[in-house]
């Protein structure tokens, strides 16, 4: 199966570089390029993209707004957004995850990291290392980025989870893979996957990255400040 990739960035030079890299892979192809968010949303539907590499900052409709529109459209439920950021720690990254992105990637990442991110996102899993996503979110929330979330029904949302689902959610927020969680909780990886999928369904999360955000926003997991 070929992964259909859409490039959304207002810099034509970057899009060209990404296109050459992606098209060099036998299991990927670039199906379109967008210079702003509105065009990205249109092309995501038109070209049946599997993964959108979405720049956060674009003129007109930015990446955040475009990601929200994609996430809100049931017809685009299978589209996974990988948000691109210029800075290693960007306050917009957490907002992008809340908007429905599968994760984030720095524009200065190595080519292998970008290709890996596309494959992982296409599979519906957390982007890159769950621990990396968790670390950024923890850092942002520790600075007050999630201060309002705890008062927005976080406890009520978690109340829909079973005890085991909450335990698994804590481990997901800790950056552990299904295999690692299975070993820690003495269950099978398939059982862990089932709990993760049920937690995502109950909490309205599109993927593991959003589960991490919810775990911190709800207060189930507290960020550690080094």
C-alpha atoms as a PDB file:
ATOM      1  CA  UNK A   1       0.000   0.000   0.000  1.00  0.00           C
ATOM      2  CA  UNK A   2       1.342   3.401  -1.020  1.00  0.00           C
ATOM      3  CA  UNK A   3       1.086   6.209   1.525  1.00  0.00           C
ATOM      4  CA  UNK A   4      -0.432   9.301  -0.095  1.00  0.00           C
ATOM      5  CA  UNK A   5       1.242  12.436   1.256  1.00  0.00           C
ATOM      6  CA  UNK A   6       0.093  16.032   0.973  1.00  0.00           C
ATOM      7  CA  UNK A   7       2.587  18.864   1.542  1.00  0.00           C
ATOM      8  CA  UNK A   8       1.271  22.087   3.091  1.00  0.00           C
ATOM      9  CA  UNK A   9       3.855  24.862   3.476  1.00  0.00           C
ATOM     10  CA  UNK A  10       4.002  28.413   2.153  1.00  0.00           C
ATOM     11  CA  UNK A  11       7.683  28.019   1.234  1.00  0.00           C
ATOM     12  CA  UNK A  12       7.985  26.482  -2.218  1.00  0.00           C
ATOM     13  CA  UNK A  13      11.625  25.528  -1.652  1.00  0.00           C
ATOM     14  CA  UNK A  14      10.746  23.427   1.383  1.00  0.00           C
ATOM     15  CA  UNK A  15       7.886  21.746  -0.436  1.00  0.00           C
ATOM     16  CA  UNK A  16      10.238  20.851  -3.278  1.00  0.00           C
ATOM     17  CA  UNK A  17      12.754  19.348  -0.867  1.00  0.00           C
ATOM     18  CA  UNK A  18      10.050  17.339   0.901  1.00  0.00           C
ATOM     19  CA  UNK A  19       8.656  16.142  -2.442  1.00  0.00           C
ATOM     20  CA  UNK A  20      12.021  14.824  -3.612  1.00  0.00           C
ATOM     21  CA  UNK A  21      12.517  12.998  -0.315  1.00  0.00           C
ATOM     22  CA  UNK A  22       9.033  11.492  -0.108  1.00  0.00           C
ATOM     23  CA  UNK A  23       8.855  10.483  -3.770  1.00  0.00           C
ATOM     24  CA  UNK A  24      12.190   8.699  -3.420  1.00  0.00           C
ATOM     25  CA  UNK A  25      10.514   6.109  -1.164  1.00  0.00           C
ATOM     26  CA  UNK A  26       8.838   3.106  -2.853  1.00  0.00           C
ATOM     27  CA  UNK A  27       5.946   3.088  -0.373  1.00  0.00           C
ATOM     28  CA  UNK A  28       5.117   6.808  -0.570  1.00  0.00           C
ATOM     29  CA  UNK A  29       4.009   9.396  -3.094  1.00  0.00           C
ATOM     30  CA  UNK A  30       3.258  13.123  -2.934  1.00  0.00           C
ATOM     31  CA  UNK A  31      -0.278  13.657  -4.206  1.00  0.00           C
ATOM     32  CA  UNK A  32      -0.450  17.425  -3.848  1.00  0.00           C
ATOM     33  CA  UNK A  33       1.069  20.652  -2.576  1.00  0.00           C
ATOM     34  CA  UNK A  34      -0.674  23.497  -0.745  1.00  0.00           C
ATOM     35  CA  UNK A  35       0.635  26.947   0.112  1.00  0.00           C
ATOM     36  CA  UNK A  36      -2.010  27.704   2.759  1.00  0.00           C
ATOM     37  CA  UNK A  37      -4.369  25.895   5.104  1.00  0.00           C
ATOM     38  CA  UNK A  38      -7.536  26.326   3.088  1.00  0.00           C
ATOM     39  CA  UNK A  39      -5.918  24.730   0.060  1.00  0.00           C
ATOM     40  CA  UNK A  40      -4.586  21.937   2.265  1.00  0.00           C
ATOM     41  CA  UNK A  41      -8.088  21.072   3.489  1.00  0.00           C
ATOM     42  CA  UNK A  42      -9.440  21.057  -0.059  1.00  0.00           C
ATOM     43  CA  UNK A  43      -6.629  18.902  -1.420  1.00  0.00           C
ATOM     44  CA  UNK A  44      -6.761  16.488   1.531  1.00  0.00           C
ATOM     45  CA  UNK A  45     -10.283  15.567   0.460  1.00  0.00           C
ATOM     46  CA  UNK A  46      -9.721  15.821  -3.281  1.00  0.00           C
ATOM     47  CA  UNK A  47      -6.551  13.736  -3.379  1.00  0.00           C
ATOM     48  CA  UNK A  48      -7.557  11.279  -0.615  1.00  0.00           C
ATOM     49  CA  UNK A  49      -4.361  11.968   1.331  1.00  0.00           C
ATOM     50  CA  UNK A  50      -3.294   9.611   4.101  1.00  0.00           C
ATOM     51  CA  UNK A  51      -0.858  12.025   5.730  1.00  0.00           C
ATOM     52  CA  UNK A  52      -0.616  15.813   5.584  1.00  0.00           C
ATOM     53  CA  UNK A  53       2.701  17.468   6.441  1.00  0.00           C
ATOM     54  CA  UNK A  54       1.269  20.741   7.745  1.00  0.00           C
ATOM     55  CA  UNK A  55       3.239  23.893   8.495  1.00  0.00           C
ATOM     56  CA  UNK A  56       1.919  25.699  11.560  1.00  0.00           C
ATOM     57  CA  UNK A  57       2.469  29.222  10.298  1.00  0.00           C
ATOM     58  CA  UNK A  58       1.029  30.004   6.877  1.00  0.00           C
ATOM     59  CA  UNK A  59      -0.678  33.132   5.490  1.00  0.00           C
ATOM     60  CA  UNK A  60      -4.465  33.186   5.449  1.00  0.00           C
ATOM     61  CA  UNK A  61      -5.745  29.956   6.965  1.00  0.00           C
ATOM     62  CA  UNK A  62      -2.889  28.696   9.126  1.00  0.00           C
ATOM     63  CA  UNK A  63      -1.989  25.107   9.966  1.00  0.00           C
ATOM     64  CA  UNK A  64      -3.902  25.081  13.231  1.00  0.00           C
ATOM     65  CA  UNK A  65      -7.170  26.176  11.633  1.00  0.00           C
ATOM     66  CA  UNK A  66      -6.692  23.743   8.765  1.00  0.00           C
ATOM     67  CA  UNK A  67      -6.038  20.876  11.170  1.00  0.00           C
ATOM     68  CA  UNK A  68      -9.221  21.686  13.096  1.00  0.00           C
ATOM     69  CA  UNK A  69     -11.207  21.634   9.856  1.00  0.00           C
ATOM     70  CA  UNK A  70      -9.752  18.285   8.821  1.00  0.00           C
ATOM     71  CA  UNK A  71     -10.393  16.788  12.257  1.00  0.00           C
ATOM     72  CA  UNK A  72     -13.976  18.063  12.308  1.00  0.00           C
ATOM     73  CA  UNK A  73     -14.856  16.525   8.933  1.00  0.00           C
ATOM     74  CA  UNK A  74     -16.039  12.891   9.261  1.00  0.00           C
ATOM     75  CA  UNK A  75     -15.157  12.335   5.608  1.00  0.00           C
ATOM     76  CA  UNK A  76     -11.515  13.051   6.485  1.00  0.00           C
ATOM     77  CA  UNK A  77     -11.357  10.793   9.543  1.00  0.00           C
ATOM     78  CA  UNK A  78      -8.574   8.729   7.965  1.00  0.00           C
ATOM     79  CA  UNK A  79      -6.370  11.754   7.267  1.00  0.00           C
ATOM     80  CA  UNK A  80      -3.470  12.093   9.721  1.00  0.00           C
ATOM     81  CA  UNK A  81      -1.818  15.480  10.183  1.00  0.00           C
ATOM     82  CA  UNK A  82       1.860  15.795  11.041  1.00  0.00           C
ATOM     83  CA  UNK A  83       2.467  19.356  12.169  1.00  0.00           C
ATOM     84  CA  UNK A  84       5.758  20.930  11.149  1.00  0.00           C
ATOM     85  CA  UNK A  85       7.387  23.490  13.421  1.00  0.00           C
ATOM     86  CA  UNK A  86      10.491  25.628  13.003  1.00  0.00           C
ATOM     87  CA  UNK A  87      11.304  25.570  16.700  1.00  0.00           C
ATOM     88  CA  UNK A  88      12.119  22.554  18.843  1.00  0.00           C
ATOM     89  CA  UNK A  89       9.691  23.767  21.505  1.00  0.00           C
ATOM     90  CA  UNK A  90       6.810  25.742  20.077  1.00  0.00           C
ATOM     91  CA  UNK A  91       3.747  26.843  22.042  1.00  0.00           C
ATOM     92  CA  UNK A  92       1.613  26.049  19.010  1.00  0.00           C
ATOM     93  CA  UNK A  93       2.556  22.386  19.050  1.00  0.00           C
ATOM     94  CA  UNK A  94       0.227  21.502  21.924  1.00  0.00           C
ATOM     95  CA  UNK A  95      -2.528  23.527  20.303  1.00  0.00           C
ATOM     96  CA  UNK A  96      -2.026  21.505  17.130  1.00  0.00           C
ATOM     97  CA  UNK A  97      -2.380  18.240  19.047  1.00  0.00           C
ATOM     98  CA  UNK A  98      -5.577  19.523  20.632  1.00  0.00           C
ATOM     99  CA  UNK A  99      -6.781  20.490  17.164  1.00  0.00           C
ATOM    100  CA  UNK A 100      -6.399  16.895  16.012  1.00  0.00           C
ATOM    101  CA  UNK A 101      -2.848  16.528  14.716  1.00  0.00           C
ATOM    102  CA  UNK A 102      -1.167  13.171  15.196  1.00  0.00           C
ATOM    103  CA  UNK A 103       2.004  14.818  16.409  1.00  0.00           C
ATOM    104  CA  UNK A 104       4.758  17.211  15.530  1.00  0.00           C
ATOM    105  CA  UNK A 105       8.101  17.289  13.791  1.00  0.00           C
ATOM    106  CA  UNK A 106      10.818  19.920  13.649  1.00  0.00           C
ATOM    107  CA  UNK A 107      11.709  21.193  10.188  1.00  0.00           C
ATOM    108  CA  UNK A 108      15.331  20.582  11.046  1.00  0.00           C
ATOM    109  CA  UNK A 109      14.762  16.851  11.584  1.00  0.00           C
ATOM    110  CA  UNK A 110      16.822  14.286   9.723  1.00  0.00           C
ATOM    111  CA  UNK A 111      15.300  12.848   6.508  1.00  0.00           C
ATOM    112  CA  UNK A 112      14.963   9.427   8.148  1.00  0.00           C
ATOM    113  CA  UNK A 113      12.959  10.975  10.982  1.00  0.00           C
ATOM    114  CA  UNK A 114      10.558  12.626   8.543  1.00  0.00           C
ATOM    115  CA  UNK A 115      10.004   9.404   6.614  1.00  0.00           C
ATOM    116  CA  UNK A 116       9.533   7.448   9.826  1.00  0.00           C
ATOM    117  CA  UNK A 117       7.031  10.041  11.033  1.00  0.00           C
ATOM    118  CA  UNK A 118       4.984   9.691   7.870  1.00  0.00           C
ATOM    119  CA  UNK A 119       4.839   5.915   8.181  1.00  0.00           C
ATOM    120  CA  UNK A 120       3.949   5.982  11.868  1.00  0.00           C
ATOM    121  CA  UNK A 121       1.261   8.627  11.369  1.00  0.00           C
ATOM    122  CA  UNK A 122      -0.212   6.726   8.418  1.00  0.00           C
ATOM    123  CA  UNK A 123      -0.543   3.690  10.687  1.00  0.00           C
ATOM    124  CA  UNK A 124      -2.576   5.799  13.126  1.00  0.00           C
ATOM    125  CA  UNK A 125       0.008   5.616  15.879  1.00  0.00           C
ATOM    126  CA  UNK A 126       1.689   8.387  17.861  1.00  0.00           C
ATOM    127  CA  UNK A 127       4.186  10.404  15.871  1.00  0.00           C
ATOM    128  CA  UNK A 128       7.797   9.438  16.471  1.00  0.00           C
ATOM    129  CA  UNK A 129       8.636   8.616  20.065  1.00  0.00           C
ATOM    130  CA  UNK A 130       5.633   8.957  22.395  1.00  0.00           C
ATOM    131  CA  UNK A 131       8.154  10.056  25.022  1.00  0.00           C
ATOM    132  CA  UNK A 132       9.234  12.975  22.856  1.00  0.00           C
ATOM    133  CA  UNK A 133       5.662  14.153  22.437  1.00  0.00           C
ATOM    134  CA  UNK A 134       5.037  13.656  26.150  1.00  0.00           C
ATOM    135  CA  UNK A 135       8.124  15.643  27.059  1.00  0.00           C
ATOM    136  CA  UNK A 136       7.090  18.663  25.028  1.00  0.00           C
ATOM    137  CA  UNK A 137       3.534  18.589  26.340  1.00  0.00           C
ATOM    138  CA  UNK A 138       4.723  18.207  29.917  1.00  0.00           C
ATOM    139  CA  UNK A 139       7.063  21.158  29.514  1.00  0.00           C
ATOM    140  CA  UNK A 140       4.329  23.346  28.065  1.00  0.00           C
ATOM    141  CA  UNK A 141       1.677  22.394  30.599  1.00  0.00           C
ATOM    142  CA  UNK A 142       4.134  22.884  33.459  1.00  0.00           C
ATOM    143  CA  UNK A 143       4.380  26.506  32.357  1.00  0.00           C
ATOM    144  CA  UNK A 144       0.628  26.946  32.595  1.00  0.00           C
ATOM    145  CA  UNK A 145      -0.345  25.892  29.078  1.00  0.00           C
ATOM    146  CA  UNK A 146      -2.958  23.500  30.397  1.00  0.00           C
ATOM    147  CA  UNK A 147      -4.060  25.477  33.426  1.00  0.00           C
ATOM    148  CA  UNK A 148      -7.586  25.914  32.118  1.00  0.00           C
ATOM    149  CA  UNK A 149      -8.095  22.330  31.091  1.00  0.00           C
ATOM    150  CA  UNK A 150      -8.512  20.897  34.560  1.00  0.00           C
ATOM    151  CA  UNK A 151     -11.606  22.981  35.102  1.00  0.00           C
ATOM    152  CA  UNK A 152     -13.193  21.948  31.841  1.00  0.00           C
ATOM    153  CA  UNK A 153     -14.627  18.582  32.838  1.00  0.00           C
ATOM    154  CA  UNK A 154     -11.352  16.680  32.851  1.00  0.00           C
ATOM    155  CA  UNK A 155     -12.425  14.508  35.784  1.00  0.00           C
ATOM    156  CA  UNK A 156     -15.805  13.803  34.214  1.00  0.00           C
ATOM    157  CA  UNK A 157     -14.172  12.627  31.007  1.00  0.00           C
ATOM    158  CA  UNK A 158     -11.893  10.241  32.865  1.00  0.00           C
ATOM    159  CA  UNK A 159     -14.862   8.868  34.805  1.00  0.00           C
ATOM    160  CA  UNK A 160     -15.957   7.069  31.637  1.00  0.00           C
ATOM    161  CA  UNK A 161     -12.803   4.936  31.738  1.00  0.00           C
ATOM    162  CA  UNK A 162     -12.443   1.648  33.551  1.00  0.00           C
ATOM    163  CA  UNK A 163      -9.714   1.267  36.171  1.00  0.00           C
ATOM    164  CA  UNK A 164      -7.543  -0.675  33.734  1.00  0.00           C
ATOM    165  CA  UNK A 165      -8.068   1.882  30.981  1.00  0.00           C
ATOM    166  CA  UNK A 166      -6.907   4.618  33.345  1.00  0.00           C
ATOM    167  CA  UNK A 167      -3.842   2.562  34.235  1.00  0.00           C
ATOM    168  CA  UNK A 168      -3.028   2.129  30.564  1.00  0.00           C
ATOM    169  CA  UNK A 169      -3.570   5.837  29.921  1.00  0.00           C
ATOM    170  CA  UNK A 170      -1.006   6.694  32.605  1.00  0.00           C
ATOM    171  CA  UNK A 171       1.513   4.432  30.890  1.00  0.00           C
ATOM    172  CA  UNK A 172       0.762   5.929  27.470  1.00  0.00           C
ATOM    173  CA  UNK A 173       1.376   9.384  28.934  1.00  0.00           C
ATOM    174  CA  UNK A 174       4.685   8.060  30.223  1.00  0.00           C
ATOM    175  CA  UNK A 175       5.778   7.439  26.644  1.00  0.00           C
ATOM    176  CA  UNK A 176       5.611   3.643  26.744  1.00  0.00           C
ATOM    177  CA  UNK A 177       4.810   1.468  23.738  1.00  0.00           C
ATOM    178  CA  UNK A 178       2.122  -1.221  23.815  1.00  0.00           C
ATOM    179  CA  UNK A 179       4.748  -3.909  24.316  1.00  0.00           C
ATOM    180  CA  UNK A 180       6.330  -2.008  27.210  1.00  0.00           C
ATOM    181  CA  UNK A 181       2.945  -1.397  28.827  1.00  0.00           C
ATOM    182  CA  UNK A 182       2.047  -5.063  28.423  1.00  0.00           C
ATOM    183  CA  UNK A 183       5.218  -6.109  30.201  1.00  0.00           C
ATOM    184  CA  UNK A 184       4.678  -3.629  33.014  1.00  0.00           C
ATOM    185  CA  UNK A 185       1.031  -4.579  33.578  1.00  0.00           C
ATOM    186  CA  UNK A 186       1.541  -8.305  32.933  1.00  0.00           C
ATOM    187  CA  UNK A 187      -0.973  -8.500  30.089  1.00  0.00           C
ATOM    188  CA  UNK A 188      -0.691  -9.131  26.354  1.00  0.00           C
ATOM    189  CA  UNK A 189       0.119  -6.360  23.841  1.00  0.00           C
ATOM    190  CA  UNK A 190      -3.216  -7.076  22.155  1.00  0.00           C
ATOM    191  CA  UNK A 191      -5.018  -6.428  25.443  1.00  0.00           C
ATOM    192  CA  UNK A 192      -3.170  -3.147  25.823  1.00  0.00           C
ATOM    193  CA  UNK A 193      -4.096  -2.155  22.268  1.00  0.00           C
ATOM    194  CA  UNK A 194      -7.741  -2.894  23.050  1.00  0.00           C
ATOM    195  CA  UNK A 195      -7.648  -0.700  26.173  1.00  0.00           C
ATOM    196  CA  UNK A 196      -5.917   2.099  24.260  1.00  0.00           C
ATOM    197  CA  UNK A 197      -8.505   1.976  21.472  1.00  0.00           C
ATOM    198  CA  UNK A 198     -11.382   2.005  23.965  1.00  0.00           C
ATOM    199  CA  UNK A 199      -9.857   4.948  25.836  1.00  0.00           C
ATOM    200  CA  UNK A 200      -9.481   6.865  22.572  1.00  0.00           C
ATOM    201  CA  UNK A 201     -13.097   6.170  21.663  1.00  0.00           C
ATOM    202  CA  UNK A 202     -14.430   7.228  25.067  1.00  0.00           C
ATOM    203  CA  UNK A 203     -12.286  10.376  25.259  1.00  0.00           C
ATOM    204  CA  UNK A 204     -12.721  11.397  21.637  1.00  0.00           C
ATOM    205  CA  UNK A 205      -8.998  11.157  20.895  1.00  0.00           C
ATOM    206  CA  UNK A 206      -7.837  10.452  17.353  1.00  0.00           C
ATOM    207  CA  UNK A 207      -4.559   8.847  18.414  1.00  0.00           C
ATOM    208  CA  UNK A 208      -2.081   8.277  21.238  1.00  0.00           C
ATOM    209  CA  UNK A 209      -0.668  11.779  21.002  1.00  0.00           C
ATOM    210  CA  UNK A 210      -4.035  13.219  21.985  1.00  0.00           C
ATOM    211  CA  UNK A 211      -4.337  10.707  24.796  1.00  0.00           C
ATOM    212  CA  UNK A 212      -1.116  12.161  26.224  1.00  0.00           C
ATOM    213  CA  UNK A 213      -2.575  15.673  26.099  1.00  0.00           C
ATOM    214  CA  UNK A 214      -5.766  14.525  27.845  1.00  0.00           C
ATOM    215  CA  UNK A 215      -3.805  12.709  30.541  1.00  0.00           C
ATOM    216  CA  UNK A 216      -1.966  15.909  31.439  1.00  0.00           C
ATOM    217  CA  UNK A 217      -4.881  18.296  30.976  1.00  0.00           C
ATOM    218  CA  UNK A 218      -7.142  16.223  33.222  1.00  0.00           C
ATOM    219  CA  UNK A 219      -4.546  16.061  35.970  1.00  0.00           C
ATOM    220  CA  UNK A 220      -4.298  12.263  35.770  1.00  0.00           C
ATOM    221  CA  UNK A 221      -0.569  12.726  35.159  1.00  0.00           C
ATOM    222  CA  UNK A 222       1.421  15.622  36.569  1.00  0.00           C
ATOM    223  CA  UNK A 223       4.336  17.039  34.570  1.00  0.00           C
ATOM    224  CA  UNK A 224       7.693  16.988  36.231  1.00  0.00           C
ATOM    225  CA  UNK A 225       9.654  20.200  36.103  1.00  0.00           C
ATOM    226  CA  UNK A 226      13.394  19.552  35.954  1.00  0.00           C
END
